[in-house]
Protein backbone atom coordinates (compact mmCIF):
# COMPACT_ATOMS: atom_id res chain seq x y z
CA MET A 1 140.46 -12.64 -177.48
CA PHE A 2 143.99 -12.54 -176.46
CA SER A 3 145.28 -15.71 -176.26
CA GLY A 4 148.37 -16.57 -178.61
CA GLY A 5 151.23 -15.85 -176.89
CA ALA A 6 153.33 -12.61 -177.79
CA LEU A 7 151.18 -11.88 -180.51
CA GLY A 8 147.93 -11.38 -177.69
CA ILE A 9 150.13 -9.01 -175.81
CA ALA A 10 151.44 -7.01 -177.86
CA HIS A 11 147.56 -6.74 -178.84
CA LEU A 12 146.40 -5.80 -175.55
CA ALA A 13 149.32 -3.82 -175.08
CA LEU A 14 149.07 -1.39 -178.29
CA SER A 15 144.88 -1.65 -177.86
CA ALA A 16 145.81 0.19 -174.10
CA LEU A 17 148.43 2.10 -175.17
CA LEU A 18 146.16 3.99 -177.82
CA ALA A 19 143.28 3.99 -175.40
CA VAL A 20 145.45 6.40 -173.18
CA TRP A 21 146.66 8.47 -175.87
CA THR A 22 143.54 9.19 -177.35
CA LEU A 23 142.65 10.03 -173.78
CA LEU A 24 144.88 12.55 -173.22
CA PHE A 25 144.47 14.25 -176.50
CA LEU A 26 140.75 13.95 -175.48
CA PHE A 27 141.38 15.67 -171.85
CA ARG A 28 143.94 18.51 -173.86
CA ILE A 29 140.32 19.07 -176.31
CA VAL A 30 138.57 20.36 -172.88
CA LEU A 31 141.51 21.99 -171.80
CA THR A 32 141.64 24.57 -174.94
CA TRP A 33 138.45 25.98 -173.55
CA TYR A 34 140.36 26.66 -170.35
CA PRO A 35 143.83 28.62 -171.80
CA GLN A 36 144.50 29.84 -167.92
CA VAL A 37 145.47 26.16 -167.26
CA ASP A 38 148.79 25.73 -166.79
CA LEU A 39 149.82 22.33 -168.54
CA THR A 40 153.50 22.32 -166.97
CA ARG A 41 152.83 22.18 -163.05
CA GLY A 42 150.89 19.56 -160.97
CA PRO A 43 149.13 16.63 -162.04
CA MET A 44 148.12 18.84 -165.43
CA ARG A 45 151.86 18.13 -166.30
CA LEU A 46 150.64 14.36 -167.08
CA ILE A 47 148.82 15.69 -169.89
CA GLY A 48 150.92 18.19 -170.82
CA ALA A 49 154.07 16.34 -170.70
CA PRO A 50 153.21 13.93 -173.48
CA THR A 51 150.76 15.39 -175.58
CA GLU A 52 152.80 18.65 -176.30
CA PRO A 53 155.35 17.78 -178.06
CA LEU A 54 152.84 15.80 -180.71
CA LEU A 55 150.94 19.35 -180.73
CA ALA A 56 153.59 21.79 -181.17
CA LEU A 57 154.83 19.26 -184.27
CA THR A 58 151.37 19.44 -185.72
CA ARG A 59 150.68 22.87 -184.98
CA ARG A 60 153.60 23.95 -187.25
CA LEU A 61 151.55 22.32 -190.37
CA ILE A 62 148.07 23.47 -188.84
CA GLN A 63 147.76 26.72 -187.56
CA PRO A 64 144.85 27.53 -185.24
CA ILE A 65 141.23 27.95 -186.60
CA GLY A 66 139.15 31.16 -185.58
CA GLY A 67 141.89 31.24 -182.72
CA VAL A 68 140.98 27.77 -181.71
CA ASP A 69 143.54 24.98 -181.48
CA VAL A 70 142.52 22.23 -183.64
CA THR A 71 145.32 20.03 -183.26
CA PRO A 72 144.50 17.66 -180.53
CA VAL A 73 141.05 16.68 -182.82
CA VAL A 74 143.78 16.02 -185.49
CA TRP A 75 144.83 13.26 -183.02
CA VAL A 76 142.43 12.38 -182.00
CA GLY A 77 141.48 10.93 -185.36
CA LEU A 78 144.34 9.86 -186.28
CA ILE A 79 144.68 7.28 -183.28
CA SER A 80 141.82 6.13 -183.57
CA LEU A 81 142.49 5.43 -187.35
CA GLY A 82 145.58 3.86 -186.22
CA ARG A 83 143.80 1.77 -183.59
CA GLU A 84 140.99 1.08 -186.28
CA LEU A 85 143.75 -0.44 -188.66
CA LEU A 86 145.94 -2.11 -186.20
CA VAL A 87 143.69 -3.31 -183.49
CA GLY A 88 139.83 -2.56 -184.35
CA GLN A 89 137.66 -5.86 -185.01
CA GLN A 90 138.87 -5.96 -188.50
CA GLY A 91 142.58 -4.48 -187.59
CA LEU A 92 146.11 -6.01 -188.92
CA LEU A 93 147.21 -7.27 -185.28
CA SER A 94 143.21 -8.77 -184.65
CA GLN A 95 143.41 -10.58 -187.94
CA LEU A 96 146.84 -11.71 -187.09
CA LEU A 97 145.99 -13.05 -183.46
CA GLN A 98 142.72 -14.74 -185.00
CA HIS A 99 144.74 -16.48 -187.87
CA SER A 100 147.43 -17.48 -185.15
CA GLN A 101 144.41 -19.30 -183.10
CA PHE A 102 142.74 -20.67 -186.33
CA LEU A 103 146.16 -22.31 -187.08
CA GLN A 104 146.90 -23.65 -182.92
CA HIS A 105 143.66 -24.84 -183.08
CA SER A 106 143.54 -26.72 -186.81
CA GLN A 107 146.76 -28.60 -185.22
CA LEU A 108 145.75 -29.07 -182.16
CA ALA A 109 142.59 -31.04 -183.98
CA GLN A 110 144.81 -32.80 -186.37
CA SER A 111 146.98 -34.00 -183.94
CA SER A 112 143.79 -35.29 -181.60
CA HIS A 113 142.72 -37.10 -184.94
CA LEU A 114 146.00 -38.63 -185.67
CA ALA A 115 146.32 -40.09 -182.06
CA LEU A 116 142.80 -41.68 -182.49
CA LEU A 117 144.53 -43.53 -185.14
CA THR A 118 146.85 -44.66 -183.79
């Protein structure tokens, strides 16, 4: 599934990157239950630093509902949608990768067929 040179590497890298972002935002969802956790210090900074800029931007548009910050849930949904559209089974990069593999296979078959004819 991941052959195809640069396209295969891009597919794999984007899939991994989106998975990591999803996990970071899932951790943020859990951490909303523990408001005393300081996300600016120690190992929690690994979760807070990459996610807070996006969450702060989103909080301007979506206010807390009943005192609960729902912006991490919004980002999990957006990332999941993007992941499905780009690298999911029917995603854009997945389809391009399958198409390029098909072309490589058919070119190989043609060259083999021509070699047999000569």
